[in-house]
């Protein structure tokens, strides 16, 4: 990742376990300070939500794990560039809104 990289997580318990903290510290990984309960700032949550909605609305019920994988791949390809660009471009306003709400609810 490089010396200037900063690791972002969502404060979920598995991400904050002592073993994870020790590993990141020993590896020299910088961790971003993150307000608790702030999925608004984590665009991947929005991407997962959009992918879930597309798969559920555009496809028949799942037959098996392989079928799910195929549906996810098809929808991911269609969504990735459009949604990713929108989410990345929204980060500035997400941060401002989160700061203004002191880490509380935002419309994102």
PDB file of N, CA and C in Angstrom:
ATOM      1  N   UNK A   1       0.822  -1.203   0.000  1.00  0.00           N
ATOM      2  CA  UNK A   1       0.000   0.000   0.000  1.00  0.00           C
ATOM      3  C   UNK A   1       0.856   1.253   0.000  1.00  0.00           C
ATOM      4  N   UNK A   2       2.017   1.195   0.564  1.00  0.00           N
ATOM      5  CA  UNK A   2       2.897   2.343   0.584  1.00  0.00           C
ATOM      6  C   UNK A   2       2.896   3.034   1.928  1.00  0.00           C
ATOM      7  N   UNK A   3       3.927   3.832   2.203  1.00  0.00           N
ATOM      8  CA  UNK A   3       4.080   4.458   3.522  1.00  0.00           C
ATOM      9  C   UNK A   3       3.043   5.536   3.829  1.00  0.00           C
ATOM     10  N   UNK A   4       2.408   6.095   2.816  1.00  0.00           N
ATOM     11  CA  UNK A   4       1.419   7.148   3.044  1.00  0.00           C
ATOM     12  C   UNK A   4      -0.010   6.605   3.160  1.00  0.00           C
ATOM     13  N   UNK A   5      -0.187   5.302   2.972  1.00  0.00           N
ATOM     14  CA  UNK A   5      -1.519   4.701   3.000  1.00  0.00           C
ATOM     15  C   UNK A   5      -2.109   4.765   4.406  1.00  0.00           C
ATOM     16  N   UNK A   6      -3.415   4.892   4.455  1.00  0.00           N
ATOM     17  CA  UNK A   6      -4.141   4.901   5.722  1.00  0.00           C
ATOM     18  C   UNK A   6      -5.249   3.865   5.626  1.00  0.00           C
ATOM     19  N   UNK A   7      -5.332   3.008   6.627  1.00  0.00           N
ATOM     20  CA  UNK A   7      -6.324   1.944   6.669  1.00  0.00           C
ATOM     21  C   UNK A   7      -7.638   2.490   7.224  1.00  0.00           C
ATOM     22  N   UNK A   8      -8.719   2.181   6.555  1.00  0.00           N
ATOM     23  CA  UNK A   8     -10.052   2.598   6.985  1.00  0.00           C
ATOM     24  C   UNK A   8     -10.868   1.358   7.304  1.00  0.00           C
ATOM     25  N   UNK A   9     -11.508   1.345   8.447  1.00  0.00           N
ATOM     26  CA  UNK A   9     -12.468   0.301   8.759  1.00  0.00           C
ATOM     27  C   UNK A   9     -13.680   0.958   9.407  1.00  0.00           C
ATOM     28  N   UNK A  10     -14.673   0.159   9.763  1.00  0.00           N
ATOM     29  CA  UNK A  10     -15.926   0.728  10.259  1.00  0.00           C
ATOM     30  C   UNK A  10     -16.136   0.539  11.762  1.00  0.00           C
ATOM     31  N   UNK A  11     -15.048   0.285  12.500  1.00  0.00           N
ATOM     32  CA  UNK A  11     -15.103   0.087  13.948  1.00  0.00           C
ATOM     33  C   UNK A  11     -15.866  -1.163  14.367  1.00  0.00           C
ATOM     34  N   UNK A  12     -16.118  -2.074  13.436  1.00  0.00           N
ATOM     35  CA  UNK A  12     -16.760  -3.329  13.825  1.00  0.00           C
ATOM     36  C   UNK A  12     -15.817  -4.074  14.771  1.00  0.00           C
ATOM     37  N   UNK A  13     -16.381  -4.841  15.691  1.00  0.00           N
ATOM     38  CA  UNK A  13     -15.560  -5.542  16.677  1.00  0.00           C
ATOM     39  C   UNK A  13     -14.426  -6.359  16.065  1.00  0.00           C
ATOM     40  N   UNK A  14     -14.694  -7.124  15.000  1.00  0.00           N
ATOM     41  CA  UNK A  14     -13.581  -7.909  14.439  1.00  0.00           C
ATOM     42  C   UNK A  14     -12.422  -7.038  13.945  1.00  0.00           C
ATOM     43  N   UNK A  15     -12.720  -5.830  13.508  1.00  0.00           N
ATOM     44  CA  UNK A  15     -11.667  -4.933  13.008  1.00  0.00           C
ATOM     45  C   UNK A  15     -10.886  -4.290  14.143  1.00  0.00           C
ATOM     46  N   UNK A  16     -11.449  -4.295  15.339  1.00  0.00           N
ATOM     47  CA  UNK A  16     -10.813  -3.637  16.481  1.00  0.00           C
ATOM     48  C   UNK A  16     -10.290  -4.618  17.526  1.00  0.00           C
ATOM     49  N   UNK A  17     -10.272  -5.897  17.190  1.00  0.00           N
ATOM     50  CA  UNK A  17      -9.764  -6.911  18.111  1.00  0.00           C
ATOM     51  C   UNK A  17      -8.286  -6.665  18.404  1.00  0.00           C
ATOM     52  N   UNK A  18      -7.851  -7.082  19.575  1.00  0.00           N
ATOM     53  CA  UNK A  18      -6.466  -6.862  19.978  1.00  0.00           C
ATOM     54  C   UNK A  18      -5.488  -7.459  18.961  1.00  0.00           C
ATOM     55  N   UNK A  19      -5.791  -8.660  18.455  1.00  0.00           N
ATOM     56  CA  UNK A  19      -4.891  -9.302  17.498  1.00  0.00           C
ATOM     57  C   UNK A  19      -4.771  -8.465  16.223  1.00  0.00           C
ATOM     58  N   UNK A  20      -5.862  -7.846  15.784  1.00  0.00           N
ATOM     59  CA  UNK A  20      -5.832  -6.990  14.592  1.00  0.00           C
ATOM     60  C   UNK A  20      -5.037  -5.726  14.891  1.00  0.00           C
ATOM     61  N   UNK A  21      -5.318  -5.107  16.036  1.00  0.00           N
ATOM     62  CA  UNK A  21      -4.575  -3.901  16.422  1.00  0.00           C
ATOM     63  C   UNK A  21      -3.081  -4.174  16.491  1.00  0.00           C
ATOM     64  N   UNK A  22      -2.714  -5.301  17.126  1.00  0.00           N
ATOM     65  CA  UNK A  22      -1.294  -5.644  17.237  1.00  0.00           C
ATOM     66  C   UNK A  22      -0.666  -5.855  15.862  1.00  0.00           C
ATOM     67  N   UNK A  23      -1.373  -6.566  14.985  1.00  0.00           N
ATOM     68  CA  UNK A  23      -0.844  -6.821  13.645  1.00  0.00           C
ATOM     69  C   UNK A  23      -0.629  -5.513  12.878  1.00  0.00           C
ATOM     70  N   UNK A  24      -1.633  -4.646  12.902  1.00  0.00           N
ATOM     71  CA  UNK A  24      -1.515  -3.383  12.162  1.00  0.00           C
ATOM     72  C   UNK A  24      -0.382  -2.530  12.710  1.00  0.00           C
ATOM     73  N   UNK A  25      -0.263  -2.484  14.031  1.00  0.00           N
ATOM     74  CA  UNK A  25       0.800  -1.695  14.637  1.00  0.00           C
ATOM     75  C   UNK A  25       2.173  -2.272  14.283  1.00  0.00           C
ATOM     76  N   UNK A  26       2.337  -3.590  14.379  1.00  0.00           N
ATOM     77  CA  UNK A  26       3.610  -4.233  14.048  1.00  0.00           C
ATOM     78  C   UNK A  26       3.949  -4.087  12.569  1.00  0.00           C
ATOM     79  N   UNK A  27       2.925  -3.989  11.743  1.00  0.00           N
ATOM     80  CA  UNK A  27       3.135  -3.860  10.298  1.00  0.00           C
ATOM     81  C   UNK A  27       3.333  -2.414   9.870  1.00  0.00           C
ATOM     82  N   UNK A  28       3.194  -1.488  10.802  1.00  0.00           N
ATOM     83  CA  UNK A  28       3.384  -0.074  10.481  1.00  0.00           C
ATOM     84  C   UNK A  28       2.246   0.528   9.685  1.00  0.00           C
ATOM     85  N   UNK A  29       1.045  -0.029   9.839  1.00  0.00           N
ATOM     86  CA  UNK A  29      -0.112   0.461   9.102  1.00  0.00           C
ATOM     87  C   UNK A  29      -0.777   1.586   9.897  1.00  0.00           C
ATOM     88  N   UNK A  30      -0.961   2.734   9.248  1.00  0.00           N
ATOM     89  CA  UNK A  30      -1.661   3.857   9.872  1.00  0.00           C
ATOM     90  C   UNK A  30      -3.152   3.631   9.788  1.00  0.00           C
ATOM     91  N   UNK A  31      -3.843   3.833  10.895  1.00  0.00           N
ATOM     92  CA  UNK A  31      -5.288   3.616  10.936  1.00  0.00           C
ATOM     93  C   UNK A  31      -5.990   4.965  11.037  1.00  0.00           C
ATOM     94  N   UNK A  32      -7.004   5.144  10.213  1.00  0.00           N
ATOM     95  CA  UNK A  32      -7.789   6.375  10.215  1.00  0.00           C
ATOM     96  C   UNK A  32      -8.673   6.426  11.460  1.00  0.00           C
ATOM     97  N   UNK A  33      -8.704   7.580  12.109  1.00  0.00           N
ATOM     98  CA  UNK A  33      -9.654   7.773  13.208  1.00  0.00           C
ATOM     99  C   UNK A  33     -11.044   7.786  12.615  1.00  0.00           C
ATOM    100  N   UNK A  34     -11.961   7.109  13.246  1.00  0.00           N
ATOM    101  CA  UNK A  34     -13.272   6.891  12.654  1.00  0.00           C
ATOM    102  C   UNK A  34     -14.347   7.042  13.703  1.00  0.00           C
ATOM    103  N   UNK A  35     -15.345   7.904  13.468  1.00  0.00           N
ATOM    104  CA  UNK A  35     -16.433   8.027  14.443  1.00  0.00           C
ATOM    105  C   UNK A  35     -17.202   6.712  14.552  1.00  0.00           C
ATOM    106  N   UNK A  36     -17.555   6.346  15.769  1.00  0.00           N
ATOM    107  CA  UNK A  36     -18.339   5.123  15.968  1.00  0.00           C
ATOM    108  C   UNK A  36     -19.677   5.242  15.252  1.00  0.00           C
ATOM    109  N   UNK A  37     -20.154   4.144  14.744  1.00  0.00           N
ATOM    110  CA  UNK A  37     -21.484   4.072  14.106  1.00  0.00           C
ATOM    111  C   UNK A  37     -21.636   5.074  12.969  1.00  0.00           C
ATOM    112  N   UNK A  38     -20.653   5.163  12.093  1.00  0.00           N
ATOM    113  CA  UNK A  38     -20.716   6.115  10.989  1.00  0.00           C
ATOM    114  C   UNK A  38     -20.606   5.430   9.637  1.00  0.00           C
ATOM    115  N   UNK A  39     -21.570   4.576   9.297  1.00  0.00           N
ATOM    116  CA  UNK A  39     -21.502   3.944   7.987  1.00  0.00           C
ATOM    117  C   UNK A  39     -21.659   4.949   6.853  1.00  0.00           C
ATOM    118  N   UNK A  40     -22.154   6.161   7.190  1.00  0.00           N
ATOM    119  CA  UNK A  40     -22.328   7.211   6.190  1.00  0.00           C
ATOM    120  C   UNK A  40     -21.003   7.524   5.493  1.00  0.00           C
ATOM    121  N   UNK A  41     -19.910   7.360   6.209  1.00  0.00           N
ATOM    122  CA  UNK A  41     -18.601   7.694   5.662  1.00  0.00           C
ATOM    123  C   UNK A  41     -17.953   6.522   4.947  1.00  0.00           C
ATOM    124  N   UNK A  42     -18.564   5.379   4.977  1.00  0.00           N
ATOM    125  CA  UNK A  42     -17.975   4.200   4.369  1.00  0.00           C
ATOM    126  C   UNK A  42     -18.736   3.864   3.092  1.00  0.00           C
ATOM    127  N   UNK A  43     -18.264   4.335   1.951  1.00  0.00           N
ATOM    128  CA  UNK A  43     -19.021   4.154   0.712  1.00  0.00           C
ATOM    129  C   UNK A  43     -19.241   2.702   0.324  1.00  0.00           C
ATOM    130  N   UNK A  44     -18.426   1.779   0.833  1.00  0.00           N
ATOM    131  CA  UNK A  44     -18.625   0.383   0.475  1.00  0.00           C
ATOM    132  C   UNK A  44     -19.977  -0.116   0.982  1.00  0.00           C
ATOM    133  N   UNK A  45     -20.453   0.446   2.096  1.00  0.00           N
ATOM    134  CA  UNK A  45     -21.768   0.054   2.613  1.00  0.00           C
ATOM    135  C   UNK A  45     -22.859   0.411   1.608  1.00  0.00           C
ATOM    136  N   UNK A  46     -22.749   1.571   0.986  1.00  0.00           N
ATOM    137  CA  UNK A  46     -23.710   1.974  -0.036  1.00  0.00           C
ATOM    138  C   UNK A  46     -23.603   1.086  -1.267  1.00  0.00           C
ATOM    139  N   UNK A  47     -22.383   0.721  -1.617  1.00  0.00           N
ATOM    140  CA  UNK A  47     -22.179  -0.150  -2.772  1.00  0.00           C
ATOM    141  C   UNK A  47     -22.793  -1.527  -2.529  1.00  0.00           C
ATOM    142  N   UNK A  48     -22.573  -2.092  -1.335  1.00  0.00           N
ATOM    143  CA  UNK A  48     -23.179  -3.382  -1.003  1.00  0.00           C
ATOM    144  C   UNK A  48     -24.699  -3.300  -1.034  1.00  0.00           C
ATOM    145  N   UNK A  49     -25.246  -2.213  -0.509  1.00  0.00           N
ATOM    146  CA  UNK A  49     -26.698  -2.042  -0.494  1.00  0.00           C
ATOM    147  C   UNK A  49     -27.258  -1.988  -1.909  1.00  0.00           C
ATOM    148  N   UNK A  50     -26.615  -1.232  -2.774  1.00  0.00           N
ATOM    149  CA  UNK A  50     -27.066  -1.110  -4.163  1.00  0.00           C
ATOM    150  C   UNK A  50     -26.959  -2.456  -4.892  1.00  0.00           C
ATOM    151  N   UNK A  51     -25.868  -3.156  -4.661  1.00  0.00           N
ATOM    152  CA  UNK A  51     -25.685  -4.468  -5.284  1.00  0.00           C
ATOM    153  C   UNK A  51     -26.763  -5.443  -4.817  1.00  0.00           C
ATOM    154  N   UNK A  52     -27.059  -5.436  -3.535  1.00  0.00           N
ATOM    155  CA  UNK A  52     -28.107  -6.296  -2.981  1.00  0.00           C
ATOM    156  C   UNK A  52     -29.461  -5.995  -3.628  1.00  0.00           C
ATOM    157  N   UNK A  53     -29.796  -4.713  -3.730  1.00  0.00           N
ATOM    158  CA  UNK A  53     -31.090  -4.333  -4.324  1.00  0.00           C
ATOM    159  C   UNK A  53     -31.176  -4.762  -5.790  1.00  0.00           C
ATOM    160  N   UNK A  54     -30.083  -4.586  -6.539  1.00  0.00           N
ATOM    161  CA  UNK A  54     -30.085  -4.960  -7.953  1.00  0.00           C
ATOM    162  C   UNK A  54     -30.251  -6.470  -8.129  1.00  0.00           C
ATOM    163  N   UNK A  55     -29.523  -7.234  -7.346  1.00  0.00           N
ATOM    164  CA  UNK A  55     -29.615  -8.692  -7.467  1.00  0.00           C
ATOM    165  C   UNK A  55     -31.019  -9.170  -7.106  1.00  0.00           C
ATOM    166  N   UNK A  56     -31.595  -8.631  -6.043  1.00  0.00           N
ATOM    167  CA  UNK A  56     -32.931  -9.060  -5.623  1.00  0.00           C
ATOM    168  C   UNK A  56     -34.015  -8.653  -6.625  1.00  0.00           C
ATOM    169  N   UNK A  57     -33.857  -7.507  -7.260  1.00  0.00           N
ATOM    170  CA  UNK A  57     -34.916  -7.029  -8.149  1.00  0.00           C
ATOM    171  C   UNK A  57     -34.797  -7.555  -9.579  1.00  0.00           C
ATOM    172  N   UNK A  58     -33.612  -7.906 -10.010  1.00  0.00           N
ATOM    173  CA  UNK A  58     -33.403  -8.272 -11.412  1.00  0.00           C
ATOM    174  C   UNK A  58     -33.266  -9.767 -11.676  1.00  0.00           C
ATOM    175  N   UNK A  59     -33.338 -10.572 -10.652  1.00  0.00           N
ATOM    176  CA  UNK A  59     -33.060 -11.990 -10.849  1.00  0.00           C
ATOM    177  C   UNK A  59     -34.087 -12.869 -10.151  1.00  0.00           C
ATOM    178  N   UNK A  60     -34.176 -14.091 -10.650  1.00  0.00           N
ATOM    179  CA  UNK A  60     -35.042 -15.090 -10.039  1.00  0.00           C
ATOM    180  C   UNK A  60     -34.432 -15.536  -8.705  1.00  0.00           C
ATOM    181  N   UNK A  61     -35.191 -16.249  -7.887  1.00  0.00           N
ATOM    182  CA  UNK A  61     -34.642 -16.721  -6.608  1.00  0.00           C
ATOM    183  C   UNK A  61     -33.367 -17.552  -6.800  1.00  0.00           C
ATOM    184  N   UNK A  62     -32.531 -17.518  -5.807  1.00  0.00           N
ATOM    185  CA  UNK A  62     -31.251 -18.228  -5.880  1.00  0.00           C
ATOM    186  C   UNK A  62     -31.443 -19.734  -5.931  1.00  0.00           C
ATOM    187  N   UNK A  63     -30.634 -20.369  -6.765  1.00  0.00           N
ATOM    188  CA  UNK A  63     -30.631 -21.837  -6.833  1.00  0.00           C
ATOM    189  C   UNK A  63     -29.551 -22.411  -5.930  1.00  0.00           C
ATOM    190  N   UNK A  64     -28.368 -21.745  -5.943  1.00  0.00           N
ATOM    191  CA  UNK A  64     -27.233 -22.219  -5.150  1.00  0.00           C
ATOM    192  C   UNK A  64     -26.198 -21.092  -5.062  1.00  0.00           C
ATOM    193  N   UNK A  65     -25.092 -21.375  -4.403  1.00  0.00           N
ATOM    194  CA  UNK A  65     -24.044 -20.368  -4.210  1.00  0.00           C
ATOM    195  C   UNK A  65     -23.435 -19.947  -5.546  1.00  0.00           C
ATOM    196  N   UNK A  66     -23.254 -20.873  -6.443  1.00  0.00           N
ATOM    197  CA  UNK A  66     -22.699 -20.549  -7.763  1.00  0.00           C
ATOM    198  C   UNK A  66     -23.614 -19.576  -8.514  1.00  0.00           C
ATOM    199  N   UNK A  67     -24.919 -19.796  -8.412  1.00  0.00           N
ATOM    200  CA  UNK A  67     -25.893 -18.900  -9.042  1.00  0.00           C
ATOM    201  C   UNK A  67     -25.785 -17.499  -8.436  1.00  0.00           C
ATOM    202  N   UNK A  68     -25.686 -17.420  -7.121  1.00  0.00           N
ATOM    203  CA  UNK A  68     -25.515 -16.125  -6.449  1.00  0.00           C
ATOM    204  C   UNK A  68     -24.247 -15.438  -6.952  1.00  0.00           C
ATOM    205  N   UNK A  69     -23.155 -16.178  -7.041  1.00  0.00           N
ATOM    206  CA  UNK A  69     -21.897 -15.614  -7.504  1.00  0.00           C
ATOM    207  C   UNK A  69     -22.043 -15.042  -8.916  1.00  0.00           C
ATOM    208  N   UNK A  70     -22.688 -15.769  -9.796  1.00  0.00           N
ATOM    209  CA  UNK A  70     -22.888 -15.310 -11.171  1.00  0.00           C
ATOM    210  C   UNK A  70     -23.731 -14.035 -11.213  1.00  0.00           C
ATOM    211  N   UNK A  71     -24.790 -13.991 -10.415  1.00  0.00           N
ATOM    212  CA  UNK A  71     -25.648 -12.794 -10.383  1.00  0.00           C
ATOM    213  C   UNK A  71     -24.882 -11.599  -9.840  1.00  0.00           C
ATOM    214  N   UNK A  72     -24.117 -11.807  -8.767  1.00  0.00           N
ATOM    215  CA  UNK A  72     -23.336 -10.717  -8.185  1.00  0.00           C
ATOM    216  C   UNK A  72     -22.311 -10.185  -9.183  1.00  0.00           C
ATOM    217  N   UNK A  73     -21.645 -11.068  -9.887  1.00  0.00           N
ATOM    218  CA  UNK A  73     -20.649 -10.645 -10.875  1.00  0.00           C
ATOM    219  C   UNK A  73     -21.285  -9.826 -11.997  1.00  0.00           C
ATOM    220  N   UNK A  74     -22.426 -10.280 -12.475  1.00  0.00           N
ATOM    221  CA  UNK A  74     -23.104  -9.564 -13.567  1.00  0.00           C
ATOM    222  C   UNK A  74     -23.528  -8.169 -13.121  1.00  0.00           C
ATOM    223  N   UNK A  75     -24.118  -8.077 -11.956  1.00  0.00           N
ATOM    224  CA  UNK A  75     -24.573  -6.772 -11.459  1.00  0.00           C
ATOM    225  C   UNK A  75     -23.401  -5.882 -11.073  1.00  0.00           C
ATOM    226  N   UNK A  76     -22.352  -6.464 -10.515  1.00  0.00           N
ATOM    227  CA  UNK A  76     -21.179  -5.674 -10.120  1.00  0.00           C
ATOM    228  C   UNK A  76     -20.577  -4.985 -11.327  1.00  0.00           C
ATOM    229  N   UNK A  77     -20.450  -5.704 -12.410  1.00  0.00           N
ATOM    230  CA  UNK A  77     -19.890  -5.119 -13.624  1.00  0.00           C
ATOM    231  C   UNK A  77     -20.729  -3.928 -14.089  1.00  0.00           C
ATOM    232  N   UNK A  78     -22.041  -4.066 -14.019  1.00  0.00           N
ATOM    233  CA  UNK A  78     -22.934  -3.008 -14.481  1.00  0.00           C
ATOM    234  C   UNK A  78     -22.882  -1.789 -13.558  1.00  0.00           C
ATOM    235  N   UNK A  79     -22.730  -2.024 -12.270  1.00  0.00           N
ATOM    236  CA  UNK A  79     -22.795  -0.945 -11.277  1.00  0.00           C
ATOM    237  C   UNK A  79     -21.469  -0.264 -11.014  1.00  0.00           C
ATOM    238  N   UNK A  80     -20.420  -1.021 -11.082  1.00  0.00           N
ATOM    239  CA  UNK A  80     -19.163  -0.604 -10.487  1.00  0.00           C
ATOM    240  C   UNK A  80     -18.720   0.808 -10.850  1.00  0.00           C
ATOM    241  N   UNK A  81     -18.565   1.094 -12.093  1.00  0.00           N
ATOM    242  CA  UNK A  81     -18.024   2.400 -12.459  1.00  0.00           C
ATOM    243  C   UNK A  81     -18.979   3.532 -12.088  1.00  0.00           C
ATOM    244  N   UNK A  82     -20.255   3.391 -12.422  1.00  0.00           N
ATOM    245  CA  UNK A  82     -21.227   4.452 -12.158  1.00  0.00           C
ATOM    246  C   UNK A  82     -21.349   4.738 -10.660  1.00  0.00           C
ATOM    247  N   UNK A  83     -21.588   3.709  -9.870  1.00  0.00           N
ATOM    248  CA  UNK A  83     -21.791   3.894  -8.435  1.00  0.00           C
ATOM    249  C   UNK A  83     -20.502   4.309  -7.755  1.00  0.00           C
ATOM    250  N   UNK A  84     -19.402   3.689  -8.115  1.00  0.00           N
ATOM    251  CA  UNK A  84     -18.130   4.010  -7.490  1.00  0.00           C
ATOM    252  C   UNK A  84     -17.789   5.483  -7.678  1.00  0.00           C
ATOM    253  N   UNK A  85     -17.982   5.985  -8.874  1.00  0.00           N
ATOM    254  CA  UNK A  85     -17.698   7.396  -9.156  1.00  0.00           C
ATOM    255  C   UNK A  85     -18.584   8.305  -8.312  1.00  0.00           C
ATOM    256  N   UNK A  86     -19.861   7.992  -8.232  1.00  0.00           N
ATOM    257  CA  UNK A  86     -20.796   8.791  -7.422  1.00  0.00           C
ATOM    258  C   UNK A  86     -20.375   8.769  -5.957  1.00  0.00           C
ATOM    259  N   UNK A  87     -20.050   7.588  -5.435  1.00  0.00           N
ATOM    260  CA  UNK A  87     -19.681   7.475  -4.024  1.00  0.00           C
ATOM    261  C   UNK A  87     -18.389   8.210  -3.705  1.00  0.00           C
ATOM    262  N   UNK A  88     -17.402   8.054  -4.545  1.00  0.00           N
ATOM    263  CA  UNK A  88     -16.131   8.745  -4.310  1.00  0.00           C
ATOM    264  C   UNK A  88     -16.329  10.254  -4.369  1.00  0.00           C
ATOM    265  N   UNK A  89     -17.095  10.719  -5.351  1.00  0.00           N
ATOM    266  CA  UNK A  89     -17.323  12.158  -5.473  1.00  0.00           C
ATOM    267  C   UNK A  89     -18.150  12.730  -4.327  1.00  0.00           C
ATOM    268  N   UNK A  90     -18.865  11.889  -3.608  1.00  0.00           N
ATOM    269  CA  UNK A  90     -19.693  12.373  -2.499  1.00  0.00           C
ATOM    270  C   UNK A  90     -18.941  12.430  -1.171  1.00  0.00           C
ATOM    271  N   UNK A  91     -17.704  11.947  -1.117  1.00  0.00           N
ATOM    272  CA  UNK A  91     -17.000  11.860   0.161  1.00  0.00           C
ATOM    273  C   UNK A  91     -16.797  13.210   0.838  1.00  0.00           C
ATOM    274  N   UNK A  92     -16.507  14.241   0.080  1.00  0.00           N
ATOM    275  CA  UNK A  92     -16.328  15.562   0.694  1.00  0.00           C
ATOM    276  C   UNK A  92     -17.573  16.013   1.425  1.00  0.00           C
ATOM    277  N   UNK A  93     -18.717  15.905   0.773  1.00  0.00           N
ATOM    278  CA  UNK A  93     -19.962  16.346   1.429  1.00  0.00           C
ATOM    279  C   UNK A  93     -20.363  15.399   2.548  1.00  0.00           C
ATOM    280  N   UNK A  94     -20.024  14.114   2.438  1.00  0.00           N
ATOM    281  CA  UNK A  94     -20.295  13.170   3.524  1.00  0.00           C
ATOM    282  C   UNK A  94     -19.526  13.560   4.779  1.00  0.00           C
ATOM    283  N   UNK A  95     -18.244  13.899   4.592  1.00  0.00           N
ATOM    284  CA  UNK A  95     -17.407  14.282   5.738  1.00  0.00           C
ATOM    285  C   UNK A  95     -17.907  15.565   6.383  1.00  0.00           C
ATOM    286  N   UNK A  96     -18.269  16.550   5.571  1.00  0.00           N
ATOM    287  CA  UNK A  96     -18.774  17.812   6.102  1.00  0.00           C
ATOM    288  C   UNK A  96     -20.061  17.573   6.886  1.00  0.00           C
ATOM    289  N   UNK A  97     -20.974  16.799   6.313  1.00  0.00           N
ATOM    290  CA  UNK A  97     -22.248  16.545   6.987  1.00  0.00           C
ATOM    291  C   UNK A  97     -22.041  15.760   8.282  1.00  0.00           C
ATOM    292  N   UNK A  98     -21.127  14.802   8.271  1.00  0.00           N
ATOM    293  CA  UNK A  98     -20.840  14.032   9.478  1.00  0.00           C
ATOM    294  C   UNK A  98     -20.233  14.935  10.556  1.00  0.00           C
ATOM    295  N   UNK A  99     -19.349  15.815  10.154  1.00  0.00           N
ATOM    296  CA  UNK A  99     -18.738  16.741  11.103  1.00  0.00           C
ATOM    297  C   UNK A  99     -19.791  17.692  11.666  1.00  0.00           C
ATOM    298  N   UNK A 100     -20.672  18.203  10.808  1.00  0.00           N
ATOM    299  CA  UNK A 100     -21.721  19.110  11.270  1.00  0.00           C
ATOM    300  C   UNK A 100     -22.697  18.428  12.221  1.00  0.00           C
ATOM    301  N   UNK A 101     -22.903  17.116  12.041  1.00  0.00           N
ATOM    302  CA  UNK A 101     -23.822  16.389  12.929  1.00  0.00           C
ATOM    303  C   UNK A 101     -23.072  15.780  14.110  1.00  0.00           C
ATOM    304  N   UNK A 102     -21.799  16.134  14.255  1.00  0.00           N
ATOM    305  CA  UNK A 102     -20.931  15.645  15.327  1.00  0.00           C
ATOM    306  C   UNK A 102     -20.911  14.122  15.382  1.00  0.00           C
ATOM    307  N   UNK A 103     -20.812  13.498  14.211  1.00  0.00           N
ATOM    308  CA  UNK A 103     -20.725  12.048  14.119  1.00  0.00           C
ATOM    309  C   UNK A 103     -22.070  11.347  14.156  1.00  0.00           C
ATOM    310  N   UNK A 104     -23.146  12.113  14.217  1.00  0.00           N
ATOM    311  CA  UNK A 104     -24.483  11.520  14.263  1.00  0.00           C
ATOM    312  C   UNK A 104     -25.040  11.231  12.886  1.00  0.00           C
ATOM    313  N   UNK A 105     -26.347  11.083  12.814  1.00  0.00           N
ATOM    314  CA  UNK A 105     -27.034  10.717  11.590  1.00  0.00           C
ATOM    315  C   UNK A 105     -26.819  11.750  10.482  1.00  0.00           C
ATOM    316  N   UNK A 106     -26.652  11.272   9.267  1.00  0.00           N
ATOM    317  CA  UNK A 106     -26.649  12.128   8.079  1.00  0.00           C
ATOM    318  C   UNK A 106     -27.629  11.542   7.090  1.00  0.00           C
ATOM    319  N   UNK A 107     -27.924  12.249   6.030  1.00  0.00           N
ATOM    320  CA  UNK A 107     -28.895  11.734   5.062  1.00  0.00           C
ATOM    321  C   UNK A 107     -28.305  10.651   4.171  1.00  0.00           C
ATOM    322  N   UNK A 108     -27.016  10.382   4.275  1.00  0.00           N
ATOM    323  CA  UNK A 108     -26.385   9.345   3.471  1.00  0.00           C
ATOM    324  C   UNK A 108     -26.658   7.992   4.062  1.00  0.00           C
TER     325      UNK A 108
END
